[in-house]
Amino acid sequence: MKPHMQYLGYVLRHKWFVFHAGLKTGAPLWRLFIHDASKFSRAEWGPYVRRFYGGRHDEMDKRADPEEFQRAWTHHWHHNAHHPEHWVTAEGWRMTMPEPLVREMVADWFGAGRAKTGSWDMQEWYAANRERLPMSPGTLVLADCLVAEAMRAFGHATVLPWPPVPTTTHQQHSGKPSAS
Protein backbone atom coordinates (compact mmCIF):
# COMPACT_ATOMS: atom_id res chain seq x y z
CA MET A 1 0.00 0.00 0.00
CA LYS A 2 2.89 2.38 0.71
CA PRO A 3 4.00 2.59 -2.96
CA HIS A 4 0.43 3.52 -3.96
CA MET A 5 0.28 6.28 -1.35
CA GLN A 6 3.69 7.60 -2.41
CA TYR A 7 2.58 7.73 -6.03
CA LEU A 8 -0.73 9.37 -5.08
CA GLY A 9 1.22 12.00 -3.15
CA TYR A 10 3.41 12.67 -6.17
CA VAL A 11 0.48 12.90 -8.61
CA LEU A 12 -1.44 15.30 -6.36
CA ARG A 13 1.67 17.43 -5.81
CA HIS A 14 2.32 17.44 -9.55
CA LYS A 15 -1.27 18.45 -10.34
CA TRP A 16 -1.09 21.28 -7.77
CA PHE A 17 2.16 22.60 -9.23
CA VAL A 18 0.84 22.30 -12.80
CA PHE A 19 -2.19 24.33 -11.73
CA HIS A 20 0.05 27.00 -10.20
CA ALA A 21 2.33 27.08 -13.28
CA GLY A 22 -0.69 27.09 -15.59
CA LEU A 23 -1.83 30.34 -14.04
CA LYS A 24 1.53 31.78 -15.16
CA THR A 25 1.39 30.30 -18.69
CA GLY A 26 -2.25 31.23 -19.27
CA ALA A 27 -3.47 27.66 -19.69
CA PRO A 28 -7.27 27.34 -19.60
CA LEU A 29 -8.56 26.62 -16.09
CA TRP A 30 -10.58 23.61 -17.25
CA ARG A 31 -7.44 22.03 -18.75
CA LEU A 32 -5.65 22.57 -15.43
CA PHE A 33 -8.47 20.88 -13.49
CA ILE A 34 -8.55 17.80 -15.73
CA HIS A 35 -4.77 17.70 -16.27
CA ASP A 36 -3.40 14.12 -16.28
CA ALA A 37 -6.71 12.59 -15.16
CA SER A 38 -5.70 9.41 -16.99
CA LYS A 39 -2.97 8.81 -14.38
CA PHE A 40 -5.79 7.53 -12.16
CA SER A 41 -6.86 4.96 -14.77
CA ARG A 42 -6.15 1.25 -14.47
CA ALA A 43 -4.06 1.42 -17.64
CA GLU A 44 -1.58 3.82 -16.03
CA TRP A 45 -1.80 3.61 -12.25
CA GLY A 46 -0.30 0.16 -11.67
CA PRO A 47 2.51 0.41 -14.21
CA TYR A 48 3.51 3.85 -12.93
CA VAL A 49 3.49 2.68 -9.30
CA ARG A 50 5.57 -0.38 -10.15
CA ARG A 51 7.99 1.62 -12.31
CA PHE A 52 8.63 4.48 -9.90
CA TYR A 53 7.66 3.21 -6.42
CA GLY A 54 7.67 -0.57 -6.56
CA GLY A 55 11.29 -1.64 -6.87
CA ARG A 56 11.98 -0.93 -10.53
CA HIS A 57 14.25 2.03 -9.96
CA ASP A 58 17.47 0.84 -11.56
CA GLU A 59 18.14 0.19 -15.22
CA MET A 60 18.06 -3.60 -14.91
CA ASP A 61 14.59 -3.58 -13.35
CA LYS A 62 13.27 -1.12 -15.96
CA ARG A 63 14.46 -3.37 -18.77
CA ALA A 64 12.90 -6.42 -17.10
CA ASP A 65 9.40 -5.21 -17.92
CA PRO A 66 9.62 -2.49 -20.59
CA GLU A 67 6.35 -3.29 -22.34
CA GLU A 68 4.14 -2.64 -19.32
CA PHE A 69 5.42 0.88 -18.75
CA GLN A 70 5.62 1.64 -22.48
CA ARG A 71 1.95 0.70 -22.88
CA ALA A 72 1.05 2.94 -19.92
CA TRP A 73 3.13 5.84 -21.29
CA THR A 74 1.58 5.45 -24.76
CA HIS A 75 -1.88 5.37 -23.18
CA HIS A 76 -1.00 8.53 -21.26
CA TRP A 77 -0.04 10.66 -24.22
CA HIS A 78 -2.85 9.27 -26.38
CA HIS A 79 -5.32 10.43 -23.72
CA ASN A 80 -3.63 13.75 -22.85
CA ALA A 81 -3.39 16.15 -25.76
CA HIS A 82 -0.91 18.42 -23.96
CA HIS A 83 1.86 15.93 -24.79
CA PRO A 84 3.65 16.62 -28.08
CA GLU A 85 3.68 12.88 -28.88
CA HIS A 86 -0.12 13.12 -29.17
CA TRP A 87 0.41 15.34 -32.24
CA VAL A 88 2.76 13.06 -34.18
CA THR A 89 1.03 11.14 -36.96
CA ALA A 90 1.66 7.49 -37.74
CA GLU A 91 3.73 8.72 -40.70
CA GLY A 92 5.91 10.78 -38.35
CA TRP A 93 4.52 14.23 -39.20
CA ARG A 94 4.59 16.70 -36.32
CA MET A 95 1.29 18.54 -36.24
CA THR A 96 1.08 22.05 -34.80
CA MET A 97 -0.46 21.95 -31.33
CA PRO A 98 -3.31 24.33 -30.42
CA GLU A 99 -2.06 27.19 -28.26
CA PRO A 100 -4.10 26.30 -25.11
CA LEU A 101 -2.51 22.83 -25.12
CA VAL A 102 0.99 24.27 -25.55
CA ARG A 103 0.30 26.47 -22.51
CA GLU A 104 -0.75 23.37 -20.55
CA MET A 105 2.30 21.44 -21.82
CA VAL A 106 4.69 24.11 -20.57
CA ALA A 107 2.84 24.23 -17.24
CA ASP A 108 3.23 20.44 -17.08
CA TRP A 109 6.99 20.73 -17.52
CA PHE A 110 7.22 23.30 -14.74
CA GLY A 111 4.91 21.28 -12.49
CA ALA A 112 6.88 18.08 -12.97
CA GLY A 113 10.15 19.88 -12.30
CA ARG A 114 8.82 21.50 -9.13
CA ALA A 115 7.33 18.21 -7.87
CA LYS A 116 10.60 16.34 -8.48
CA THR A 117 13.26 18.93 -7.61
CA GLY A 118 11.48 21.52 -5.48
CA SER A 119 12.47 24.29 -7.91
CA TRP A 120 10.64 26.24 -10.58
CA ASP A 121 13.89 26.69 -12.51
CA MET A 122 13.73 24.45 -15.56
CA GLN A 123 16.39 26.17 -17.64
CA GLU A 124 18.77 23.20 -17.55
CA TRP A 125 16.06 20.61 -18.27
CA TYR A 126 14.63 22.55 -21.20
CA ALA A 127 18.02 23.21 -22.74
CA ALA A 128 18.88 19.50 -22.48
CA ASN A 129 15.53 18.22 -23.82
CA ARG A 130 14.29 20.89 -26.23
CA GLU A 131 15.70 19.27 -29.38
CA ARG A 132 14.33 15.83 -28.49
CA LEU A 133 10.73 16.94 -28.06
CA PRO A 134 8.63 15.98 -31.11
CA MET A 135 7.19 19.42 -31.88
CA SER A 136 6.48 21.30 -35.10
CA PRO A 137 8.47 24.51 -35.60
CA GLY A 138 5.45 26.67 -34.70
CA THR A 139 4.83 24.71 -31.51
CA LEU A 140 8.51 24.92 -30.62
CA VAL A 141 8.60 28.71 -31.04
CA LEU A 142 5.51 29.12 -28.84
CA ALA A 143 6.97 26.74 -26.23
CA ASP A 144 10.24 28.73 -26.21
CA CYS A 145 8.34 31.96 -25.60
CA LEU A 146 6.15 30.47 -22.87
CA VAL A 147 9.11 28.87 -21.09
CA ALA A 148 10.96 32.19 -21.11
CA GLU A 149 7.90 34.08 -19.86
CA ALA A 150 7.20 31.57 -17.11
CA MET A 151 10.86 31.52 -16.02
CA ARG A 152 10.71 35.29 -15.61
CA ALA A 153 7.35 35.04 -13.79
CA PHE A 154 8.92 32.59 -11.33
CA GLY A 155 11.87 34.96 -10.83
CA HIS A 156 14.51 33.13 -12.85
CA ALA A 157 16.69 34.62 -15.56
CA THR A 158 16.61 32.89 -18.91
CA VAL A 159 19.22 32.34 -21.57
CA LEU A 160 16.97 30.53 -24.00
CA PRO A 161 17.60 31.08 -27.70
CA TRP A 162 16.12 34.47 -28.49
CA PRO A 163 14.50 35.12 -30.75
CA PRO A 164 13.49 31.47 -30.82
CA VAL A 165 14.49 29.82 -34.06
CA PRO A 166 13.20 26.33 -34.92
CA THR A 167 15.84 23.84 -35.89
CA THR A 168 15.86 21.93 -39.13
CA THR A 169 15.25 18.65 -37.28
CA HIS A 170 11.61 19.62 -36.66
CA GLN A 171 8.97 19.24 -39.34
CA GLN A 172 5.52 20.75 -39.73
CA HIS A 173 2.33 18.94 -40.60
CA SER A 174 2.92 19.82 -44.24
CA GLY A 175 6.44 18.39 -44.28
CA LYS A 176 7.59 14.93 -45.11
CA PRO A 177 8.26 12.43 -42.30
CA SER A 178 11.83 12.35 -41.15
CA ALA A 179 13.92 9.23 -41.57
CA SER A 180 14.70 9.11 -37.85
C-alpha atoms as a PDB file:
ATOM      1  CA  MET A   1       0.000   0.000   0.000  1.00  0.00           C
ATOM      2  CA  LYS A   2       2.890   2.375   0.712  1.00  0.00           C
ATOM      3  CA  PRO A   3       4.005   2.586  -2.957  1.00  0.00           C
ATOM      4  CA  HIS A   4       0.432   3.520  -3.965  1.00  0.00           C
ATOM      5  CA  MET A   5       0.282   6.276  -1.353  1.00  0.00           C
ATOM      6  CA  GLN A   6       3.691   7.598  -2.415  1.00  0.00           C
ATOM      7  CA  TYR A   7       2.584   7.731  -6.029  1.00  0.00           C
ATOM      8  CA  LEU A   8      -0.731   9.369  -5.075  1.00  0.00           C
ATOM      9  CA  GLY A   9       1.217  12.004  -3.154  1.00  0.00           C
ATOM     10  CA  TYR A  10       3.413  12.666  -6.169  1.00  0.00           C
ATOM     11  CA  VAL A  11       0.479  12.897  -8.610  1.00  0.00           C
ATOM     12  CA  LEU A  12      -1.436  15.300  -6.361  1.00  0.00           C
ATOM     13  CA  ARG A  13       1.675  17.431  -5.813  1.00  0.00           C
ATOM     14  CA  HIS A  14       2.322  17.436  -9.553  1.00  0.00           C
ATOM     15  CA  LYS A  15      -1.265  18.453 -10.337  1.00  0.00           C
ATOM     16  CA  TRP A  16      -1.091  21.282  -7.773  1.00  0.00           C
ATOM     17  CA  PHE A  17       2.165  22.604  -9.230  1.00  0.00           C
ATOM     18  CA  VAL A  18       0.836  22.304 -12.797  1.00  0.00           C
ATOM     19  CA  PHE A  19      -2.186  24.334 -11.725  1.00  0.00           C
ATOM     20  CA  HIS A  20       0.053  27.001 -10.201  1.00  0.00           C
ATOM     21  CA  ALA A  21       2.331  27.081 -13.276  1.00  0.00           C
ATOM     22  CA  GLY A  22      -0.685  27.087 -15.589  1.00  0.00           C
ATOM     23  CA  LEU A  23      -1.835  30.337 -14.044  1.00  0.00           C
ATOM     24  CA  LYS A  24       1.530  31.781 -15.165  1.00  0.00           C
ATOM     25  CA  THR A  25       1.387  30.297 -18.690  1.00  0.00           C
ATOM     26  CA  GLY A  26      -2.245  31.233 -19.270  1.00  0.00           C
ATOM     27  CA  ALA A  27      -3.467  27.657 -19.688  1.00  0.00           C
ATOM     28  CA  PRO A  28      -7.274  27.340 -19.602  1.00  0.00           C
ATOM     29  CA  LEU A  29      -8.562  26.618 -16.091  1.00  0.00           C
ATOM     30  CA  TRP A  30     -10.581  23.612 -17.254  1.00  0.00           C
ATOM     31  CA  ARG A  31      -7.444  22.033 -18.748  1.00  0.00           C
ATOM     32  CA  LEU A  32      -5.649  22.567 -15.433  1.00  0.00           C
ATOM     33  CA  PHE A  33      -8.468  20.885 -13.490  1.00  0.00           C
ATOM     34  CA  ILE A  34      -8.551  17.802 -15.735  1.00  0.00           C
ATOM     35  CA  HIS A  35      -4.775  17.700 -16.272  1.00  0.00           C
ATOM     36  CA  ASP A  36      -3.398  14.125 -16.278  1.00  0.00           C
ATOM     37  CA  ALA A  37      -6.708  12.589 -15.164  1.00  0.00           C
ATOM     38  CA  SER A  38      -5.698   9.406 -16.993  1.00  0.00           C
ATOM     39  CA  LYS A  39      -2.974   8.809 -14.380  1.00  0.00           C
ATOM     40  CA  PHE A  40      -5.795   7.529 -12.163  1.00  0.00           C
ATOM     41  CA  SER A  41      -6.863   4.957 -14.767  1.00  0.00           C
ATOM     42  CA  ARG A  42      -6.155   1.250 -14.469  1.00  0.00           C
ATOM     43  CA  ALA A  43      -4.056   1.416 -17.643  1.00  0.00           C
ATOM     44  CA  GLU A  44      -1.579   3.822 -16.035  1.00  0.00           C
ATOM     45  CA  TRP A  45      -1.799   3.611 -12.253  1.00  0.00           C
ATOM     46  CA  GLY A  46      -0.298   0.155 -11.673  1.00  0.00           C
ATOM     47  CA  PRO A  47       2.506   0.407 -14.213  1.00  0.00           C
ATOM     48  CA  TYR A  48       3.510   3.854 -12.930  1.00  0.00           C
ATOM     49  CA  VAL A  49       3.487   2.684  -9.295  1.00  0.00           C
ATOM     50  CA  ARG A  50       5.573  -0.378 -10.145  1.00  0.00           C
ATOM     51  CA  ARG A  51       7.986   1.624 -12.314  1.00  0.00           C
ATOM     52  CA  PHE A  52       8.625   4.482  -9.901  1.00  0.00           C
ATOM     53  CA  TYR A  53       7.660   3.213  -6.419  1.00  0.00           C
ATOM     54  CA  GLY A  54       7.674  -0.573  -6.560  1.00  0.00           C
ATOM     55  CA  GLY A  55      11.285  -1.638  -6.871  1.00  0.00           C
ATOM     56  CA  ARG A  56      11.983  -0.932 -10.531  1.00  0.00           C
ATOM     57  CA  HIS A  57      14.250   2.030  -9.957  1.00  0.00           C
ATOM     58  CA  ASP A  58      17.472   0.839 -11.564  1.00  0.00           C
ATOM     59  CA  GLU A  59      18.136   0.191 -15.221  1.00  0.00           C
ATOM     60  CA  MET A  60      18.059  -3.597 -14.907  1.00  0.00           C
ATOM     61  CA  ASP A  61      14.587  -3.584 -13.352  1.00  0.00           C
ATOM     62  CA  LYS A  62      13.268  -1.124 -15.961  1.00  0.00           C
ATOM     63  CA  ARG A  63      14.462  -3.371 -18.774  1.00  0.00           C
ATOM     64  CA  ALA A  64      12.897  -6.423 -17.096  1.00  0.00           C
ATOM     65  CA  ASP A  65       9.395  -5.206 -17.924  1.00  0.00           C
ATOM     66  CA  PRO A  66       9.622  -2.495 -20.587  1.00  0.00           C
ATOM     67  CA  GLU A  67       6.354  -3.292 -22.343  1.00  0.00           C
ATOM     68  CA  GLU A  68       4.136  -2.645 -19.324  1.00  0.00           C
ATOM     69  CA  PHE A  69       5.417   0.875 -18.754  1.00  0.00           C
ATOM     70  CA  GLN A  70       5.622   1.642 -22.483  1.00  0.00           C
ATOM     71  CA  ARG A  71       1.948   0.702 -22.877  1.00  0.00           C
ATOM     72  CA  ALA A  72       1.054   2.943 -19.922  1.00  0.00           C
ATOM     73  CA  TRP A  73       3.126   5.841 -21.286  1.00  0.00           C
ATOM     74  CA  THR A  74       1.585   5.453 -24.757  1.00  0.00           C
ATOM     75  CA  HIS A  75      -1.883   5.369 -23.177  1.00  0.00           C
ATOM     76  CA  HIS A  76      -1.005   8.531 -21.255  1.00  0.00           C
ATOM     77  CA  TRP A  77      -0.037  10.658 -24.222  1.00  0.00           C
ATOM     78  CA  HIS A  78      -2.852   9.268 -26.379  1.00  0.00           C
ATOM     79  CA  HIS A  79      -5.318  10.432 -23.715  1.00  0.00           C
ATOM     80  CA  ASN A  80      -3.631  13.752 -22.846  1.00  0.00           C
ATOM     81  CA  ALA A  81      -3.388  16.152 -25.764  1.00  0.00           C
ATOM     82  CA  HIS A  82      -0.911  18.424 -23.957  1.00  0.00           C
ATOM     83  CA  HIS A  83       1.856  15.933 -24.794  1.00  0.00           C
ATOM     84  CA  PRO A  84       3.645  16.625 -28.080  1.00  0.00           C
ATOM     85  CA  GLU A  85       3.681  12.880 -28.876  1.00  0.00           C
ATOM     86  CA  HIS A  86      -0.121  13.124 -29.169  1.00  0.00           C
ATOM     87  CA  TRP A  87       0.411  15.336 -32.236  1.00  0.00           C
ATOM     88  CA  VAL A  88       2.764  13.062 -34.184  1.00  0.00           C
ATOM     89  CA  THR A  89       1.029  11.143 -36.964  1.00  0.00           C
ATOM     90  CA  ALA A  90       1.657   7.491 -37.738  1.00  0.00           C
ATOM     91  CA  GLU A  91       3.733   8.715 -40.696  1.00  0.00           C
ATOM     92  CA  GLY A  92       5.915  10.785 -38.346  1.00  0.00           C
ATOM     93  CA  TRP A  93       4.520  14.226 -39.205  1.00  0.00           C
ATOM     94  CA  ARG A  94       4.592  16.701 -36.324  1.00  0.00           C
ATOM     95  CA  MET A  95       1.292  18.537 -36.235  1.00  0.00           C
ATOM     96  CA  THR A  96       1.081  22.053 -34.800  1.00  0.00           C
ATOM     97  CA  MET A  97      -0.461  21.948 -31.334  1.00  0.00           C
ATOM     98  CA  PRO A  98      -3.313  24.327 -30.418  1.00  0.00           C
ATOM     99  CA  GLU A  99      -2.060  27.188 -28.260  1.00  0.00           C
ATOM    100  CA  PRO A 100      -4.098  26.299 -25.115  1.00  0.00           C
ATOM    101  CA  LEU A 101      -2.506  22.829 -25.120  1.00  0.00           C
ATOM    102  CA  VAL A 102       0.992  24.269 -25.547  1.00  0.00           C
ATOM    103  CA  ARG A 103       0.300  26.465 -22.506  1.00  0.00           C
ATOM    104  CA  GLU A 104      -0.749  23.365 -20.553  1.00  0.00           C
ATOM    105  CA  MET A 105       2.296  21.439 -21.819  1.00  0.00           C
ATOM    106  CA  VAL A 106       4.692  24.113 -20.570  1.00  0.00           C
ATOM    107  CA  ALA A 107       2.838  24.233 -17.236  1.00  0.00           C
ATOM    108  CA  ASP A 108       3.228  20.438 -17.080  1.00  0.00           C
ATOM    109  CA  TRP A 109       6.994  20.729 -17.520  1.00  0.00           C
ATOM    110  CA  PHE A 110       7.219  23.304 -14.742  1.00  0.00           C
ATOM    111  CA  GLY A 111       4.907  21.277 -12.486  1.00  0.00           C
ATOM    112  CA  ALA A 112       6.881  18.076 -12.966  1.00  0.00           C
ATOM    113  CA  GLY A 113      10.148  19.877 -12.298  1.00  0.00           C
ATOM    114  CA  ARG A 114       8.819  21.499  -9.135  1.00  0.00           C
ATOM    115  CA  ALA A 115       7.328  18.213  -7.870  1.00  0.00           C
ATOM    116  CA  LYS A 116      10.596  16.336  -8.479  1.00  0.00           C
ATOM    117  CA  THR A 117      13.256  18.933  -7.610  1.00  0.00           C
ATOM    118  CA  GLY A 118      11.478  21.522  -5.479  1.00  0.00           C
ATOM    119  CA  SER A 119      12.468  24.285  -7.907  1.00  0.00           C
ATOM    120  CA  TRP A 120      10.640  26.235 -10.582  1.00  0.00           C
ATOM    121  CA  ASP A 121      13.893  26.691 -12.511  1.00  0.00           C
ATOM    122  CA  MET A 122      13.734  24.447 -15.560  1.00  0.00           C
ATOM    123  CA  GLN A 123      16.392  26.173 -17.641  1.00  0.00           C
ATOM    124  CA  GLU A 124      18.765  23.200 -17.555  1.00  0.00           C
ATOM    125  CA  TRP A 125      16.056  20.608 -18.269  1.00  0.00           C
ATOM    126  CA  TYR A 126      14.631  22.555 -21.196  1.00  0.00           C
ATOM    127  CA  ALA A 127      18.024  23.208 -22.736  1.00  0.00           C
ATOM    128  CA  ALA A 128      18.876  19.496 -22.479  1.00  0.00           C
ATOM    129  CA  ASN A 129      15.532  18.220 -23.817  1.00  0.00           C
ATOM    130  CA  ARG A 130      14.294  20.895 -26.229  1.00  0.00           C
ATOM    131  CA  GLU A 131      15.701  19.274 -29.375  1.00  0.00           C
ATOM    132  CA  ARG A 132      14.333  15.829 -28.493  1.00  0.00           C
ATOM    133  CA  LEU A 133      10.728  16.944 -28.055  1.00  0.00           C
ATOM    134  CA  PRO A 134       8.635  15.980 -31.108  1.00  0.00           C
ATOM    135  CA  MET A 135       7.187  19.419 -31.880  1.00  0.00           C
ATOM    136  CA  SER A 136       6.479  21.301 -35.096  1.00  0.00           C
ATOM    137  CA  PRO A 137       8.470  24.508 -35.604  1.00  0.00           C
ATOM    138  CA  GLY A 138       5.453  26.665 -34.696  1.00  0.00           C
ATOM    139  CA  THR A 139       4.825  24.714 -31.511  1.00  0.00           C
ATOM    140  CA  LEU A 140       8.514  24.919 -30.621  1.00  0.00           C
ATOM    141  CA  VAL A 141       8.595  28.713 -31.041  1.00  0.00           C
ATOM    142  CA  LEU A 142       5.513  29.123 -28.839  1.00  0.00           C
ATOM    143  CA  ALA A 143       6.970  26.744 -26.233  1.00  0.00           C
ATOM    144  CA  ASP A 144      10.237  28.733 -26.212  1.00  0.00           C
ATOM    145  CA  CYS A 145       8.340  31.955 -25.602  1.00  0.00           C
ATOM    146  CA  LEU A 146       6.145  30.466 -22.873  1.00  0.00           C
ATOM    147  CA  VAL A 147       9.110  28.865 -21.090  1.00  0.00           C
ATOM    148  CA  ALA A 148      10.963  32.188 -21.109  1.00  0.00           C
ATOM    149  CA  GLU A 149       7.898  34.083 -19.865  1.00  0.00           C
ATOM    150  CA  ALA A 150       7.202  31.565 -17.106  1.00  0.00           C
ATOM    151  CA  MET A 151      10.856  31.519 -16.022  1.00  0.00           C
ATOM    152  CA  ARG A 152      10.709  35.295 -15.614  1.00  0.00           C
ATOM    153  CA  ALA A 153       7.349  35.040 -13.793  1.00  0.00           C
ATOM    154  CA  PHE A 154       8.924  32.592 -11.328  1.00  0.00           C
ATOM    155  CA  GLY A 155      11.867  34.956 -10.833  1.00  0.00           C
ATOM    156  CA  HIS A 156      14.512  33.129 -12.851  1.00  0.00           C
ATOM    157  CA  ALA A 157      16.692  34.623 -15.560  1.00  0.00           C
ATOM    158  CA  THR A 158      16.615  32.893 -18.914  1.00  0.00           C
ATOM    159  CA  VAL A 159      19.216  32.342 -21.568  1.00  0.00           C
ATOM    160  CA  LEU A 160      16.974  30.528 -24.002  1.00  0.00           C
ATOM    161  CA  PRO A 161      17.599  31.082 -27.700  1.00  0.00           C
ATOM    162  CA  TRP A 162      16.124  34.471 -28.492  1.00  0.00           C
ATOM    163  CA  PRO A 163      14.497  35.116 -30.754  1.00  0.00           C
ATOM    164  CA  PRO A 164      13.491  31.466 -30.819  1.00  0.00           C
ATOM    165  CA  VAL A 165      14.488  29.815 -34.062  1.00  0.00           C
ATOM    166  CA  PRO A 166      13.201  26.334 -34.919  1.00  0.00           C
ATOM    167  CA  THR A 167      15.835  23.838 -35.889  1.00  0.00           C
ATOM    168  CA  THR A 168      15.858  21.928 -39.133  1.00  0.00           C
ATOM    169  CA  THR A 169      15.246  18.651 -37.282  1.00  0.00           C
ATOM    170  CA  HIS A 170      11.613  19.622 -36.662  1.00  0.00           C
ATOM    171  CA  GLN A 171       8.967  19.242 -39.341  1.00  0.00           C
ATOM    172  CA  GLN A 172       5.525  20.747 -39.732  1.00  0.00           C
ATOM    173  CA  HIS A 173       2.327  18.937 -40.599  1.00  0.00           C
ATOM    174  CA  SER A 174       2.915  19.822 -44.236  1.00  0.00           C
ATOM    175  CA  GLY A 175       6.436  18.393 -44.275  1.00  0.00           C
ATOM    176  CA  LYS A 176       7.594  14.932 -45.107  1.00  0.00           C
ATOM    177  CA  PRO A 177       8.256  12.430 -42.305  1.00  0.00           C
ATOM    178  CA  SER A 178      11.831  12.346 -41.151  1.00  0.00           C
ATOM    179  CA  ALA A 179      13.921   9.227 -41.574  1.00  0.00           C
ATOM    180  CA  SER A 180      14.704   9.112 -37.853  1.00  0.00           C
END
